[in-house]
Protein backbone atom coordinates (compact mmCIF):
# COMPACT_ATOMS: atom_id res chain seq x y z
CA MET A 1 -23.96 2.08 0.21
CA SER A 2 -22.25 -0.76 -1.63
CA LYS A 3 -20.58 -0.65 -5.04
CA PRO A 4 -22.81 0.37 -7.99
CA PHE A 5 -24.54 -2.08 -10.29
CA PRO A 6 -22.33 -2.65 -13.38
CA THR A 7 -24.75 -1.03 -15.86
CA PHE A 8 -22.13 0.25 -18.29
CA GLU A 9 -19.80 -2.74 -17.98
CA LEU A 10 -22.45 -5.02 -19.49
CA SER A 11 -22.61 -5.56 -23.25
CA ARG A 12 -26.40 -5.18 -23.26
CA LYS A 13 -28.96 -2.66 -22.04
CA PRO A 14 -32.19 -3.62 -20.27
CA THR A 15 -34.92 -4.68 -22.71
CA LEU A 16 -37.20 -1.63 -22.66
CA ALA A 17 -40.41 -3.57 -23.34
CA THR A 18 -39.91 -5.44 -20.05
CA TRP A 19 -39.36 -2.39 -17.82
CA ARG A 20 -41.96 -2.14 -15.04
CA ASP A 21 -42.01 0.55 -12.35
CA LYS A 22 -44.74 0.74 -9.70
CA ALA A 23 -45.30 1.60 -6.07
CA TRP A 24 -44.07 -1.14 -3.75
CA LYS A 25 -47.25 -1.06 -1.65
CA ASP A 26 -50.60 0.71 -1.70
CA THR A 27 -50.48 2.71 1.54
CA THR A 28 -54.11 3.86 1.31
CA LEU A 29 -56.50 2.89 4.10
CA ARG A 30 -60.04 2.49 2.74
CA THR A 31 -63.09 2.39 5.00
CA ASP A 32 -66.54 1.33 3.78
CA LEU A 33 -69.36 3.70 4.73
CA VAL A 34 -72.90 2.67 5.61
CA TYR A 35 -74.44 4.39 2.59
CA GLY A 36 -72.32 2.45 0.13
CA GLY A 37 -69.42 4.84 -0.34
CA PHE A 38 -66.00 4.73 1.24
CA SER A 39 -63.45 7.06 2.77
CA THR A 40 -59.69 7.00 2.28
CA ARG A 41 -56.63 8.22 4.09
CA ALA A 42 -52.91 7.68 3.76
CA THR A 43 -51.16 5.40 6.23
CA ALA A 44 -47.73 6.90 5.49
CA THR A 45 -46.42 10.44 5.73
CA ARG A 46 -44.14 10.20 2.70
CA PRO A 47 -43.98 8.17 -0.51
CA GLY A 48 -42.75 4.61 -0.13
CA PRO A 49 -40.20 2.76 -2.27
CA ARG A 50 -40.73 1.75 -5.88
CA HIS A 51 -40.77 -1.80 -7.26
CA VAL A 52 -38.75 -2.01 -10.49
CA SER A 53 -38.42 -5.11 -12.66
CA PHE A 54 -36.85 -5.66 -16.07
CA THR A 55 -35.05 -8.22 -18.22
CA TYR A 56 -31.69 -8.35 -19.93
CA ASN A 57 -31.57 -10.39 -23.13
CA LEU A 58 -28.63 -11.87 -25.06
CA LEU A 59 -26.15 -11.65 -22.18
CA THR A 60 -22.73 -13.21 -22.62
CA ARG A 61 -21.12 -15.45 -20.03
CA ALA A 62 -18.96 -12.48 -19.00
CA ASP A 63 -22.11 -10.36 -18.50
CA LYS A 64 -23.68 -13.11 -16.39
CA ASP A 65 -20.53 -13.32 -14.25
CA LEU A 66 -20.57 -9.54 -13.67
CA ILE A 67 -24.18 -9.61 -12.44
CA GLU A 68 -23.56 -12.67 -10.27
CA ASP A 69 -20.45 -11.08 -8.75
CA HIS A 70 -22.45 -7.97 -7.90
CA GLU A 71 -25.31 -10.02 -6.47
CA ASP A 72 -22.83 -11.90 -4.26
CA HIS A 73 -21.16 -8.65 -3.17
CA VAL A 74 -24.40 -7.11 -1.91
CA MET A 75 -25.63 -10.45 -0.48
CA ILE A 76 -28.77 -10.26 -2.64
CA GLY A 77 -31.09 -7.94 -0.67
CA ALA A 78 -28.83 -7.15 2.26
CA ALA A 79 -27.05 -4.02 0.99
CA ALA A 80 -28.23 -0.95 -0.92
CA PHE A 81 -26.42 0.09 -4.08
CA ALA A 82 -26.65 2.64 -6.89
CA PHE A 83 -28.22 1.71 -10.21
CA ARG A 84 -28.15 3.95 -13.29
CA GLU A 85 -30.82 3.27 -15.89
CA SER A 86 -28.96 3.30 -19.20
CA GLU A 87 -31.68 4.86 -21.39
CA THR A 88 -32.83 7.76 -19.20
CA ASN A 89 -29.65 8.06 -17.09
CA GLU A 90 -31.84 8.17 -13.98
CA ASP A 91 -30.06 7.20 -10.78
CA TRP A 92 -31.63 4.92 -8.17
CA GLU A 93 -30.71 3.69 -4.71
CA VAL A 94 -31.98 0.11 -4.64
CA ARG A 95 -31.76 -3.37 -3.14
CA PHE A 96 -32.40 -6.65 -4.90
CA LEU A 97 -35.96 -7.71 -4.09
CA LYS A 98 -35.14 -11.33 -4.88
CA GLU A 99 -32.34 -13.35 -6.41
CA VAL A 100 -31.59 -12.73 -10.10
CA ILE A 101 -33.09 -15.43 -12.32
CA PHE A 102 -30.94 -16.48 -15.28
CA ALA A 103 -32.00 -18.72 -18.16
CA ILE A 104 -30.51 -19.80 -21.45
CA GLU A 105 -31.73 -18.06 -24.59
CA PRO A 106 -33.74 -20.75 -26.47
CA GLU A 107 -32.40 -19.90 -29.92
CA LEU A 108 -28.86 -19.01 -28.81
CA PRO A 109 -27.76 -21.48 -26.13
CA SER A 110 -24.44 -19.73 -25.54
CA LEU A 111 -26.28 -16.59 -24.35
CA PHE A 112 -28.50 -15.84 -21.35
CA PHE A 113 -31.38 -13.68 -20.27
CA ALA A 114 -31.77 -12.38 -16.72
CA ASN A 115 -34.84 -11.24 -14.82
CA ILE A 116 -34.04 -8.57 -12.21
CA GLU A 117 -36.25 -7.03 -9.52
CA PHE A 118 -35.26 -4.05 -7.34
CA ILE A 119 -36.93 -2.15 -4.56
CA GLY A 120 -35.78 1.42 -4.01
CA LYS A 121 -36.13 5.05 -4.99
CA ARG A 122 -34.90 7.54 -7.52
CA ILE A 123 -32.13 9.73 -6.18
CA GLU A 124 -30.54 12.99 -7.15
CA LYS A 125 -28.37 12.79 -10.22
CA MET A 126 -24.87 11.52 -9.53
CA ARG A 127 -22.24 14.24 -9.50
CA THR A 128 -18.49 13.90 -9.81
CA GLU A 129 -15.69 16.08 -8.49
CA THR A 130 -11.96 15.52 -8.88
CA TYR A 131 -9.32 16.85 -6.50
CA TRP A 132 -5.82 16.92 -8.01
CA VAL A 133 -2.84 16.07 -5.81
CA GLU A 134 0.53 17.58 -6.60
CA ASP A 135 3.59 15.52 -7.54
CA LEU A 136 4.72 14.32 -4.13
CA GLY A 137 8.34 13.41 -3.59
CA ALA A 138 9.39 9.92 -2.55
CA GLY A 139 8.42 9.34 1.07
CA GLU A 140 6.35 12.55 1.22
CA ASP A 141 2.99 12.34 2.99
CA ILE A 142 -0.32 14.21 3.26
CA ALA A 143 -2.10 14.37 6.61
CA ASN A 144 -5.82 15.08 6.86
CA ARG A 145 -6.05 17.53 3.94
CA PRO A 146 -9.64 18.69 3.19
CA ILE A 147 -10.46 17.83 -0.43
CA PHE A 148 -14.28 17.94 -0.60
CA VAL A 149 -17.21 19.71 1.07
CA ASN A 150 -20.79 20.49 0.12
CA PRO A 151 -23.27 22.86 1.80
CA LYS A 152 -25.92 20.13 1.51
CA ALA A 153 -25.98 16.63 3.00
CA VAL A 154 -24.54 14.16 0.48
CA THR A 155 -23.96 10.43 0.10
CA ILE A 156 -20.65 9.36 -1.39
CA ASN A 157 -21.12 6.63 -4.01
CA SER A 158 -17.52 5.91 -5.00
CA ILE A 159 -13.97 7.20 -4.54
CA GLY A 160 -11.14 6.37 -6.92
CA ILE A 161 -7.84 7.72 -8.16
CA LEU A 162 -6.76 8.75 -11.66
CA THR A 163 -2.97 8.78 -12.03
CA GLN A 164 -1.11 10.93 -14.54
CA GLY A 165 1.87 8.62 -14.90
CA ALA A 166 3.64 5.61 -13.48
CA PRO A 167 4.43 5.05 -9.79
CA ALA A 168 7.97 4.35 -8.67
CA GLY A 169 9.58 2.62 -5.73
CA VAL A 170 6.41 1.04 -4.37
CA ASP A 171 6.99 -2.44 -2.94
CA ASP A 172 6.26 -4.53 0.13
CA SER A 173 8.80 -2.59 2.20
CA ASN A 174 7.77 0.82 0.83
CA THR A 175 4.01 0.94 0.61
CA ALA A 176 1.78 3.77 -0.52
CA VAL A 177 -1.45 4.12 1.47
CA ILE A 178 -4.33 6.36 0.37
CA ALA A 179 -7.12 6.89 2.90
CA VAL A 180 -10.14 9.21 2.87
CA LYS A 181 -11.78 10.13 6.18
CA ASP A 182 -14.62 12.33 7.39
CA ASP A 183 -14.34 15.12 9.99
CA ALA A 184 -14.77 12.60 12.84
CA ALA A 185 -11.80 10.59 11.47
CA ASN A 186 -14.08 7.77 10.32
CA VAL A 187 -12.50 6.00 7.34
CA LEU A 188 -14.63 5.94 4.20
CA VAL A 189 -12.07 3.97 2.22
CA SER A 190 -8.40 3.01 2.46
CA LYS A 191 -6.15 1.32 -0.10
CA THR A 192 -2.63 0.01 0.41
CA TYR A 193 -0.36 -0.39 -2.61
CA ASP A 194 2.76 -2.56 -2.49
CA THR A 195 4.50 -5.06 -4.79
CA ASP A 196 1.09 -6.42 -5.69
CA PRO A 197 -1.18 -4.52 -6.09
CA GLN A 198 0.70 -1.64 -7.66
CA PRO A 199 -0.89 1.80 -8.09
CA PRO A 200 -2.53 2.29 -11.49
CA ASP A 201 -0.24 3.47 -14.31
CA ALA A 202 -1.87 6.48 -16.01
CA ASP A 203 -5.25 4.96 -15.31
CA TYR A 204 -8.28 5.07 -13.00
CA GLU A 205 -8.87 2.66 -10.13
CA ASP A 206 -11.70 2.50 -7.62
CA LEU A 207 -10.35 2.47 -4.06
CA GLY A 208 -12.90 -0.07 -2.84
CA THR A 209 -16.16 -0.48 -0.95
CA LEU A 210 -17.13 2.55 1.14
CA ALA A 211 -18.08 2.79 4.79
CA ASN A 212 -19.47 5.88 6.59
CA ALA A 213 -20.56 7.24 3.20
CA SER A 214 -23.18 9.75 4.43
CA LEU A 215 -21.88 13.28 5.06
CA ALA A 216 -23.77 16.00 6.90
CA ALA A 217 -24.10 19.44 5.33
CA GLY A 218 -20.72 21.16 5.50
CA GLU A 219 -18.81 18.01 6.47
CA HIS A 220 -15.45 17.44 4.78
CA LEU A 221 -13.67 14.58 3.13
CA ASN A 222 -10.03 14.57 4.22
CA LEU A 223 -7.18 12.95 2.31
CA ASN A 224 -4.33 11.04 3.91
CA VAL A 225 -1.38 9.73 1.89
CA THR A 226 1.42 7.77 3.57
CA GLN A 227 4.44 6.73 1.47
CA GLY A 228 7.41 4.56 2.38
CA ALA A 229 10.93 5.95 1.93
CA THR A 230 11.19 5.09 -1.79
CA ALA A 231 7.48 5.06 -2.64
CA ASN A 232 6.67 7.82 -5.12
CA LEU A 233 3.15 8.23 -6.45
CA PRO A 234 2.69 10.27 -9.64
CA VAL A 235 0.37 13.25 -9.87
CA PHE A 236 -3.10 11.86 -9.29
CA GLY A 237 -6.68 12.98 -8.95
CA VAL A 238 -9.10 11.79 -6.29
CA VAL A 239 -12.36 11.19 -8.16
CA ILE A 240 -15.42 11.50 -5.90
CA GLU A 241 -18.87 10.43 -7.11
CA TYR A 242 -21.76 11.56 -4.92
CA TYR A 243 -25.41 12.58 -4.80
CA PHE A 244 -27.49 14.81 -2.56
CA THR A 245 -29.03 12.77 0.23
CA PRO A 246 -32.86 12.77 -0.07
């Protein structure tokens, strides 16, 4: 699944009066009977996706850029992503149904409104776990250390790091590489720090777009840290956001 929709980075919430949520398709098969009645049966064995539409009003140019950047990242309807509804805090796994339509607010020409349509489903509430890594010495590594497991199948939504201080000695010749893999050694995400970009200084940073994000019940996430001779990461936490796979 791709990076989440920037719900809480936007200056506005969806306009509640415009929120619409309905079944994507009517999967009922109806057959007319000779006496004037009809019979029905379902054509699907489980509920289909939902069609959600809503509008943002009074968006700034920065808000518009955030939505456009996200739309470009997921290639409109090509990739699924997480969306958290800001009023109910419900989590969804969705795709854009069509391109986002922007228009200028008639009374405030420096602001915009946006019409958004998703197709998807509600998912289990997002959960977050943080695994804290000790203060490694310069050049000290971690190889395939288990840092996360769940007895149920889960989908990882994001992985980031939260540092407790400043890095030291990280440059182009002494990189710091953080990688998270599953039990089959598939890489979910990997980030290389050098002269630019530097590791975050007492701050959080997302490690990037995930691959192989679905974990079977009991499958581990394993941490790998590789530091050059002078590279010295501070104490940091690996922040894992996930939900139970439906």
